[in-house]
Amino acid sequence: RIQSIFTGTYEPSGAIDGTDFSDVPGEIFEAYVPQVKAKGFNFPLIACDISSIDEKFIGWKDEDGDHSEHVLFADLPPEITGNKEKPIFSIMKHWTPPPSTKTNFYDGIGR
């Protein structure tokens, strides 16, 4: 019992299919993007800068506009958001891996 405090007890289940996260359509598997649900808004307000991610990972679409209309970060002046050493919003980043020649299980699904 005490050993479990100092060592991991996680056992993976299932098989890895070799699909990169970047290749999975956002409709199937969305990323965690900090959002706030507010009364009077049809969509959540996005509480981070999303300029460095593919918007398919947000998990919803606004047919009347794009996600940038829902970003709280964009409504604040640079004097508040410009301090890179003490950011007030979460930082979202996504690095797309280089293309591969493997077959992607999710090709054609949800697109």
Foldseek 3Di string as FASTA:
>chain_A
DVVCVVDPDDDDDDDDPPADPVPAFLLVAADDFDWADDPPDPDTATQEDCPADDQRRVNDADPVDGNVVRYPLVVDDCVQQVPPVDGPGDYDHDDDDDDDDDDHPRVPPPD
